[in-house]
C-alpha atoms as a PDB file:
ATOM      1  CA  UNK A   1       0.000   0.000   0.000  1.00  0.00           C
ATOM      2  CA  UNK A   2       3.004   2.286   0.416  1.00  0.00           C
ATOM      3  CA  UNK A   3       4.198   1.852  -3.182  1.00  0.00           C
ATOM      4  CA  UNK A   4       1.993   4.626  -4.672  1.00  0.00           C
ATOM      5  CA  UNK A   5       3.223   7.128  -2.072  1.00  0.00           C
ATOM      6  CA  UNK A   6       6.867   6.285  -2.820  1.00  0.00           C
ATOM      7  CA  UNK A   7       6.192   6.633  -6.524  1.00  0.00           C
ATOM      8  CA  UNK A   8       4.546  10.041  -6.072  1.00  0.00           C
ATOM      9  CA  UNK A   9       7.420  11.256  -3.876  1.00  0.00           C
ATOM     10  CA  UNK A  10      10.016  10.069  -6.378  1.00  0.00           C
ATOM     11  CA  UNK A  11       8.105  11.764  -9.174  1.00  0.00           C
ATOM     12  CA  UNK A  12       7.998  15.026  -7.236  1.00  0.00           C
ATOM     13  CA  UNK A  13      11.740  14.926  -6.493  1.00  0.00           C
ATOM     14  CA  UNK A  14      12.542  14.162 -10.114  1.00  0.00           C
ATOM     15  CA  UNK A  15      10.334  17.016 -11.284  1.00  0.00           C
ATOM     16  CA  UNK A  16      12.091  19.434  -8.919  1.00  0.00           C
ATOM     17  CA  UNK A  17      15.503  18.249 -10.108  1.00  0.00           C
ATOM     18  CA  UNK A  18      14.516  18.668 -13.766  1.00  0.00           C
ATOM     19  CA  UNK A  19      13.213  22.138 -12.945  1.00  0.00           C
ATOM     20  CA  UNK A  20      16.579  23.182 -11.482  1.00  0.00           C
ATOM     21  CA  UNK A  21      18.495  21.780 -14.452  1.00  0.00           C
ATOM     22  CA  UNK A  22      16.166  23.634 -16.800  1.00  0.00           C
ATOM     23  CA  UNK A  23      16.715  26.836 -14.828  1.00  0.00           C
ATOM     24  CA  UNK A  24      20.489  26.448 -15.176  1.00  0.00           C
ATOM     25  CA  UNK A  25      20.204  26.093 -18.949  1.00  0.00           C
ATOM     26  CA  UNK A  26      17.974  29.181 -19.088  1.00  0.00           C
ATOM     27  CA  UNK A  27      20.492  31.112 -16.979  1.00  0.00           C
ATOM     28  CA  UNK A  28      23.377  30.087 -19.224  1.00  0.00           C
ATOM     29  CA  UNK A  29      21.489  31.328 -22.265  1.00  0.00           C
ATOM     30  CA  UNK A  30      20.400  34.536 -20.531  1.00  0.00           C
ATOM     31  CA  UNK A  31      24.026  35.312 -19.565  1.00  0.00           C
ATOM     32  CA  UNK A  32      25.346  34.366 -23.035  1.00  0.00           C
ATOM     33  CA  UNK A  33      27.966  32.100 -21.464  1.00  0.00           C
ATOM     34  CA  UNK A  34      30.322  30.324 -23.867  1.00  0.00           C
ATOM     35  CA  UNK A  35      30.936  26.615 -23.331  1.00  0.00           C
ATOM     36  CA  UNK A  36      34.358  26.973 -21.691  1.00  0.00           C
ATOM     37  CA  UNK A  37      33.198  29.608 -19.205  1.00  0.00           C
ATOM     38  CA  UNK A  38      30.118  27.583 -18.311  1.00  0.00           C
ATOM     39  CA  UNK A  39      32.059  24.361 -17.766  1.00  0.00           C
ATOM     40  CA  UNK A  40      34.635  26.146 -15.638  1.00  0.00           C
ATOM     41  CA  UNK A  41      31.949  27.704 -13.439  1.00  0.00           C
ATOM     42  CA  UNK A  42      30.264  24.324 -13.079  1.00  0.00           C
ATOM     43  CA  UNK A  43      33.541  22.681 -12.057  1.00  0.00           C
ATOM     44  CA  UNK A  44      34.480  25.447  -9.636  1.00  0.00           C
ATOM     45  CA  UNK A  45      31.028  25.441  -8.061  1.00  0.00           C
ATOM     46  CA  UNK A  46      30.167  21.740  -7.892  1.00  0.00           C
ATOM     47  CA  UNK A  47      33.379  19.833  -8.587  1.00  0.00           C
ATOM     48  CA  UNK A  48      31.600  18.160 -11.511  1.00  0.00           C
ATOM     49  CA  UNK A  49      31.726  18.785 -15.259  1.00  0.00           C
ATOM     50  CA  UNK A  50      28.190  17.608 -15.997  1.00  0.00           C
ATOM     51  CA  UNK A  51      24.850  18.523 -14.457  1.00  0.00           C
ATOM     52  CA  UNK A  52      23.734  14.892 -14.579  1.00  0.00           C
ATOM     53  CA  UNK A  53      26.451  14.027 -12.051  1.00  0.00           C
ATOM     54  CA  UNK A  54      25.359  16.770  -9.631  1.00  0.00           C
ATOM     55  CA  UNK A  55      23.208  16.174  -6.585  1.00  0.00           C
ATOM     56  CA  UNK A  56      20.344  18.530  -5.674  1.00  0.00           C
ATOM     57  CA  UNK A  57      22.508  20.558  -3.296  1.00  0.00           C
ATOM     58  CA  UNK A  58      25.089  21.047  -6.029  1.00  0.00           C
ATOM     59  CA  UNK A  59      22.423  22.161  -8.503  1.00  0.00           C
ATOM     60  CA  UNK A  60      21.220  24.751  -5.994  1.00  0.00           C
ATOM     61  CA  UNK A  61      24.794  26.040  -5.640  1.00  0.00           C
ATOM     62  CA  UNK A  62      25.080  26.310  -9.419  1.00  0.00           C
ATOM     63  CA  UNK A  63      21.851  28.312  -9.642  1.00  0.00           C
ATOM     64  CA  UNK A  64      23.125  30.637  -6.896  1.00  0.00           C
ATOM     65  CA  UNK A  65      26.450  31.060  -8.725  1.00  0.00           C
ATOM     66  CA  UNK A  66      24.614  32.030 -11.906  1.00  0.00           C
ATOM     67  CA  UNK A  67      22.454  34.497  -9.971  1.00  0.00           C
ATOM     68  CA  UNK A  68      25.642  36.053  -8.620  1.00  0.00           C
ATOM     69  CA  UNK A  69      26.668  36.634 -12.235  1.00  0.00           C
ATOM     70  CA  UNK A  70      23.417  38.453 -12.973  1.00  0.00           C
ATOM     71  CA  UNK A  71      20.906  35.727 -13.797  1.00  0.00           C
ATOM     72  CA  UNK A  72      17.349  36.778 -12.965  1.00  0.00           C
ATOM     73  CA  UNK A  73      14.809  33.981 -12.830  1.00  0.00           C
ATOM     74  CA  UNK A  74      11.437  34.922 -14.290  1.00  0.00           C
ATOM     75  CA  UNK A  75       8.489  34.436 -11.929  1.00  0.00           C
ATOM     76  CA  UNK A  76       6.515  31.268 -12.566  1.00  0.00           C
ATOM     77  CA  UNK A  77       3.265  32.097 -14.286  1.00  0.00           C
ATOM     78  CA  UNK A  78       0.346  30.358 -12.659  1.00  0.00           C
ATOM     79  CA  UNK A  79      -2.146  28.673 -14.901  1.00  0.00           C
ATOM     80  CA  UNK A  80      -5.453  30.500 -14.870  1.00  0.00           C
ATOM     81  CA  UNK A  81      -8.161  28.260 -13.447  1.00  0.00           C
ATOM     82  CA  UNK A  82     -10.408  27.121 -16.269  1.00  0.00           C
ATOM     83  CA  UNK A  83     -12.876  24.611 -14.811  1.00  0.00           C
ATOM     84  CA  UNK A  84     -16.652  25.407 -14.732  1.00  0.00           C
ATOM     85  CA  UNK A  85     -16.636  26.726 -11.148  1.00  0.00           C
ATOM     86  CA  UNK A  86     -13.708  29.027 -11.918  1.00  0.00           C
ATOM     87  CA  UNK A  87     -15.327  30.379 -15.080  1.00  0.00           C
ATOM     88  CA  UNK A  88     -18.578  31.121 -13.257  1.00  0.00           C
ATOM     89  CA  UNK A  89     -16.712  32.673 -10.323  1.00  0.00           C
ATOM     90  CA  UNK A  90     -14.670  34.886 -12.651  1.00  0.00           C
ATOM     91  CA  UNK A  91     -17.801  36.135 -14.441  1.00  0.00           C
ATOM     92  CA  UNK A  92     -19.393  36.987 -11.079  1.00  0.00           C
ATOM     93  CA  UNK A  93     -16.183  38.649  -9.872  1.00  0.00           C
ATOM     94  CA  UNK A  94     -16.013  40.966 -12.896  1.00  0.00           C
ATOM     95  CA  UNK A  95     -19.699  41.792 -12.513  1.00  0.00           C
ATOM     96  CA  UNK A  96     -19.156  42.622  -8.818  1.00  0.00           C
ATOM     97  CA  UNK A  97     -16.411  45.009  -9.909  1.00  0.00           C
ATOM     98  CA  UNK A  98     -18.834  46.813 -12.230  1.00  0.00           C
ATOM     99  CA  UNK A  99     -21.260  46.931  -9.305  1.00  0.00           C
ATOM    100  CA  UNK A 100     -18.506  48.565  -7.220  1.00  0.00           C
ATOM    101  CA  UNK A 101     -18.783  45.755  -4.671  1.00  0.00           C
ATOM    102  CA  UNK A 102     -15.064  44.946  -4.943  1.00  0.00           C
ATOM    103  CA  UNK A 103     -12.019  47.093  -5.636  1.00  0.00           C
ATOM    104  CA  UNK A 104      -9.827  44.725  -7.634  1.00  0.00           C
ATOM    105  CA  UNK A 105     -11.160  42.705 -10.607  1.00  0.00           C
ATOM    106  CA  UNK A 106      -7.918  40.750 -11.181  1.00  0.00           C
ATOM    107  CA  UNK A 107      -7.565  36.969 -11.157  1.00  0.00           C
ATOM    108  CA  UNK A 108      -5.101  37.348  -8.274  1.00  0.00           C
ATOM    109  CA  UNK A 109      -7.750  39.052  -6.143  1.00  0.00           C
ATOM    110  CA  UNK A 110     -10.288  36.346  -7.022  1.00  0.00           C
ATOM    111  CA  UNK A 111      -7.719  33.664  -6.112  1.00  0.00           C
ATOM    112  CA  UNK A 112      -7.211  35.284  -2.693  1.00  0.00           C
ATOM    113  CA  UNK A 113     -10.976  35.371  -2.091  1.00  0.00           C
ATOM    114  CA  UNK A 114     -11.339  31.758  -3.250  1.00  0.00           C
ATOM    115  CA  UNK A 115      -8.592  30.592  -0.869  1.00  0.00           C
ATOM    116  CA  UNK A 116     -10.571  31.897   2.081  1.00  0.00           C
ATOM    117  CA  UNK A 117     -13.755  30.182   0.917  1.00  0.00           C
ATOM    118  CA  UNK A 118     -12.366  26.845  -0.270  1.00  0.00           C
ATOM    119  CA  UNK A 119      -9.131  26.464   1.718  1.00  0.00           C
ATOM    120  CA  UNK A 120      -7.278  25.584  -1.510  1.00  0.00           C
ATOM    121  CA  UNK A 121      -3.883  27.005  -2.463  1.00  0.00           C
ATOM    122  CA  UNK A 122      -5.098  27.682  -6.007  1.00  0.00           C
ATOM    123  CA  UNK A 123      -8.558  27.809  -7.521  1.00  0.00           C
ATOM    124  CA  UNK A 124      -7.374  25.416 -10.246  1.00  0.00           C
ATOM    125  CA  UNK A 125      -6.810  22.734  -7.593  1.00  0.00           C
ATOM    126  CA  UNK A 126     -10.033  23.312  -5.663  1.00  0.00           C
ATOM    127  CA  UNK A 127     -12.422  20.424  -5.054  1.00  0.00           C
ATOM    128  CA  UNK A 128     -15.178  20.949  -7.630  1.00  0.00           C
ATOM    129  CA  UNK A 129     -17.765  19.431  -5.304  1.00  0.00           C
ATOM    130  CA  UNK A 130     -17.070  22.273  -2.864  1.00  0.00           C
ATOM    131  CA  UNK A 131     -17.169  24.992  -5.533  1.00  0.00           C
ATOM    132  CA  UNK A 132     -20.721  25.938  -4.600  1.00  0.00           C
ATOM    133  CA  UNK A 133     -19.337  27.577  -1.441  1.00  0.00           C
ATOM    134  CA  UNK A 134     -17.393  30.082  -3.533  1.00  0.00           C
ATOM    135  CA  UNK A 135     -20.286  30.751  -5.900  1.00  0.00           C
ATOM    136  CA  UNK A 136     -22.734  31.230  -3.026  1.00  0.00           C
ATOM    137  CA  UNK A 137     -20.362  33.632  -1.267  1.00  0.00           C
ATOM    138  CA  UNK A 138     -20.145  35.727  -4.437  1.00  0.00           C
ATOM    139  CA  UNK A 139     -23.911  35.654  -4.902  1.00  0.00           C
ATOM    140  CA  UNK A 140     -24.454  36.778  -1.313  1.00  0.00           C
ATOM    141  CA  UNK A 141     -22.112  39.706  -1.911  1.00  0.00           C
ATOM    142  CA  UNK A 142     -24.122  40.570  -5.030  1.00  0.00           C
ATOM    143  CA  UNK A 143     -27.395  40.505  -3.084  1.00  0.00           C
ATOM    144  CA  UNK A 144     -25.959  42.791  -0.388  1.00  0.00           C
ATOM    145  CA  UNK A 145     -25.150  45.326  -3.098  1.00  0.00           C
ATOM    146  CA  UNK A 146     -28.604  45.212  -4.637  1.00  0.00           C
ATOM    147  CA  UNK A 147     -27.988  42.781  -7.498  1.00  0.00           C
ATOM    148  CA  UNK A 148     -30.809  40.250  -7.362  1.00  0.00           C
ATOM    149  CA  UNK A 149     -29.821  36.682  -8.141  1.00  0.00           C
ATOM    150  CA  UNK A 150     -33.394  35.588  -8.812  1.00  0.00           C
ATOM    151  CA  UNK A 151     -32.488  35.350 -12.504  1.00  0.00           C
ATOM    152  CA  UNK A 152     -30.750  32.103 -11.686  1.00  0.00           C
ATOM    153  CA  UNK A 153     -34.207  30.570 -11.309  1.00  0.00           C
ATOM    154  CA  UNK A 154     -35.281  31.524 -14.809  1.00  0.00           C
ATOM    155  CA  UNK A 155     -35.370  29.008 -17.637  1.00  0.00           C
ATOM    156  CA  UNK A 156     -31.891  27.846 -18.602  1.00  0.00           C
ATOM    157  CA  UNK A 157     -31.749  29.863 -21.812  1.00  0.00           C
ATOM    158  CA  UNK A 158     -32.750  33.098 -20.067  1.00  0.00           C
ATOM    159  CA  UNK A 159     -30.715  32.909 -16.845  1.00  0.00           C
ATOM    160  CA  UNK A 160     -27.668  34.872 -17.995  1.00  0.00           C
ATOM    161  CA  UNK A 161     -29.803  37.427 -19.834  1.00  0.00           C
ATOM    162  CA  UNK A 162     -32.002  38.095 -16.787  1.00  0.00           C
ATOM    163  CA  UNK A 163     -28.997  38.320 -14.445  1.00  0.00           C
ATOM    164  CA  UNK A 164     -27.190  40.765 -16.736  1.00  0.00           C
ATOM    165  CA  UNK A 165     -30.241  43.007 -16.932  1.00  0.00           C
ATOM    166  CA  UNK A 166     -30.629  42.867 -13.150  1.00  0.00           C
ATOM    167  CA  UNK A 167     -26.948  43.818 -12.814  1.00  0.00           C
ATOM    168  CA  UNK A 168     -27.421  46.868 -15.025  1.00  0.00           C
ATOM    169  CA  UNK A 169     -30.505  47.876 -13.043  1.00  0.00           C
ATOM    170  CA  UNK A 170     -28.587  47.523  -9.756  1.00  0.00           C
ATOM    171  CA  UNK A 171     -25.740  49.754 -10.970  1.00  0.00           C
ATOM    172  CA  UNK A 172     -28.221  52.289 -12.346  1.00  0.00           C
ATOM    173  CA  UNK A 173     -29.949  52.337  -8.945  1.00  0.00           C
ATOM    174  CA  UNK A 174     -26.604  53.096  -7.256  1.00  0.00           C
ATOM    175  CA  UNK A 175     -26.018  55.956  -9.666  1.00  0.00           C
ATOM    176  CA  UNK A 176     -29.483  57.342  -8.930  1.00  0.00           C
ATOM    177  CA  UNK A 177     -28.900  57.080  -5.161  1.00  0.00           C
ATOM    178  CA  UNK A 178     -25.763  59.174  -5.559  1.00  0.00           C
ATOM    179  CA  UNK A 179     -27.558  61.735  -7.705  1.00  0.00           C
ATOM    180  CA  UNK A 180     -25.504  60.801 -10.754  1.00  0.00           C
ATOM    181  CA  UNK A 181     -28.446  60.056 -13.054  1.00  0.00           C
ATOM    182  CA  UNK A 182     -32.135  61.022 -13.283  1.00  0.00           C
ATOM    183  CA  UNK A 183     -34.560  58.830 -11.347  1.00  0.00           C
ATOM    184  CA  UNK A 184     -36.385  57.948 -14.562  1.00  0.00           C
ATOM    185  CA  UNK A 185     -33.239  57.084 -16.509  1.00  0.00           C
ATOM    186  CA  UNK A 186     -33.946  53.802 -18.340  1.00  0.00           C
ATOM    187  CA  UNK A 187     -31.276  51.354 -19.398  1.00  0.00           C
ATOM    188  CA  UNK A 188     -31.930  52.320 -22.992  1.00  0.00           C
ATOM    189  CA  UNK A 189     -31.281  55.980 -22.146  1.00  0.00           C
ATOM    190  CA  UNK A 190     -28.206  55.037 -20.141  1.00  0.00           C
ATOM    191  CA  UNK A 191     -26.736  53.088 -23.050  1.00  0.00           C
ATOM    192  CA  UNK A 192     -27.250  56.028 -25.413  1.00  0.00           C
ATOM    193  CA  UNK A 193     -25.962  58.664 -22.970  1.00  0.00           C
ATOM    194  CA  UNK A 194     -22.877  56.692 -21.944  1.00  0.00           C
ATOM    195  CA  UNK A 195     -21.814  55.151 -25.237  1.00  0.00           C
ATOM    196  CA  UNK A 196     -23.898  56.673 -27.989  1.00  0.00           C
ATOM    197  CA  UNK A 197     -25.295  53.232 -28.733  1.00  0.00           C
ATOM    198  CA  UNK A 198     -28.926  52.175 -28.751  1.00  0.00           C
ATOM    199  CA  UNK A 199     -29.966  48.871 -27.196  1.00  0.00           C
ATOM    200  CA  UNK A 200     -31.847  46.396 -29.320  1.00  0.00           C
ATOM    201  CA  UNK A 201     -35.570  46.005 -28.636  1.00  0.00           C
ATOM    202  CA  UNK A 202     -34.564  42.856 -26.764  1.00  0.00           C
ATOM    203  CA  UNK A 203     -30.958  43.593 -25.706  1.00  0.00           C
ATOM    204  CA  UNK A 204     -28.428  40.841 -26.223  1.00  0.00           C
ATOM    205  CA  UNK A 205     -26.261  39.523 -23.412  1.00  0.00           C
ATOM    206  CA  UNK A 206     -23.261  41.202 -25.069  1.00  0.00           C
ATOM    207  CA  UNK A 207     -25.061  44.577 -25.147  1.00  0.00           C
ATOM    208  CA  UNK A 208     -26.014  44.283 -21.493  1.00  0.00           C
ATOM    209  CA  UNK A 209     -22.461  43.279 -20.548  1.00  0.00           C
ATOM    210  CA  UNK A 210     -21.071  46.377 -22.263  1.00  0.00           C
ATOM    211  CA  UNK A 211     -23.705  48.536 -20.591  1.00  0.00           C
ATOM    212  CA  UNK A 212     -22.831  47.094 -17.159  1.00  0.00           C
ATOM    213  CA  UNK A 213     -19.210  48.007 -17.774  1.00  0.00           C
ATOM    214  CA  UNK A 214     -20.111  51.550 -18.887  1.00  0.00           C
ATOM    215  CA  UNK A 215     -22.400  52.071 -15.884  1.00  0.00           C
ATOM    216  CA  UNK A 216     -19.717  50.698 -13.581  1.00  0.00           C
ATOM    217  CA  UNK A 217     -17.111  53.054 -15.011  1.00  0.00           C
ATOM    218  CA  UNK A 218     -19.388  56.033 -14.349  1.00  0.00           C
ATOM    219  CA  UNK A 219     -20.031  54.841 -10.805  1.00  0.00           C
ATOM    220  CA  UNK A 220     -16.322  54.488 -10.023  1.00  0.00           C
ATOM    221  CA  UNK A 221     -15.456  57.826 -11.617  1.00  0.00           C
ATOM    222  CA  UNK A 222     -17.692  59.505  -9.072  1.00  0.00           C
ATOM    223  CA  UNK A 223     -16.827  57.319  -6.097  1.00  0.00           C
END
């Protein structure tokens, strides 16, 4: 029963070792080191003439020696979470930004919020069966800021459309409360005043999304 654990540990160690070797090759290229200079540094630093003969501690020393010569490792770019829960959470997060319910619409800010809700280091690794906790937390925030989530109970084909219209209405209501638009300002009037565009008789989801962004921009400009 212990075999799988040993295999996973070995795999992790091997992956880390390969990562360090790859970093050394990147550093050599970044510093434009010729073969002789590179080999001499490797020998002086590790006592070996080949990376394959170096242990992990020696590889670390080699990376440090290259950093001392000016090598700057690029930060590792995290993969953006792309599972269904993450996509829904990101859409809600951006909408909450337009609603002025949050200050930062970035993926990093969403990741930080998700960590508190799901206790996962990254949203990409979160247990999908627990994703509802994150979505519900975002919906509750929306409700507190006047964005009704009742649209989620509409027929499947109309859910997003109803929610987007409710979002626009919620932002418009905030603008009215701050005296930034007339009390009888309709969404159609808002679209024309803010962007010079007229909404379709039955606005599309894309039109409503653009209107939410325009309304949100006006709200933040006058915060």
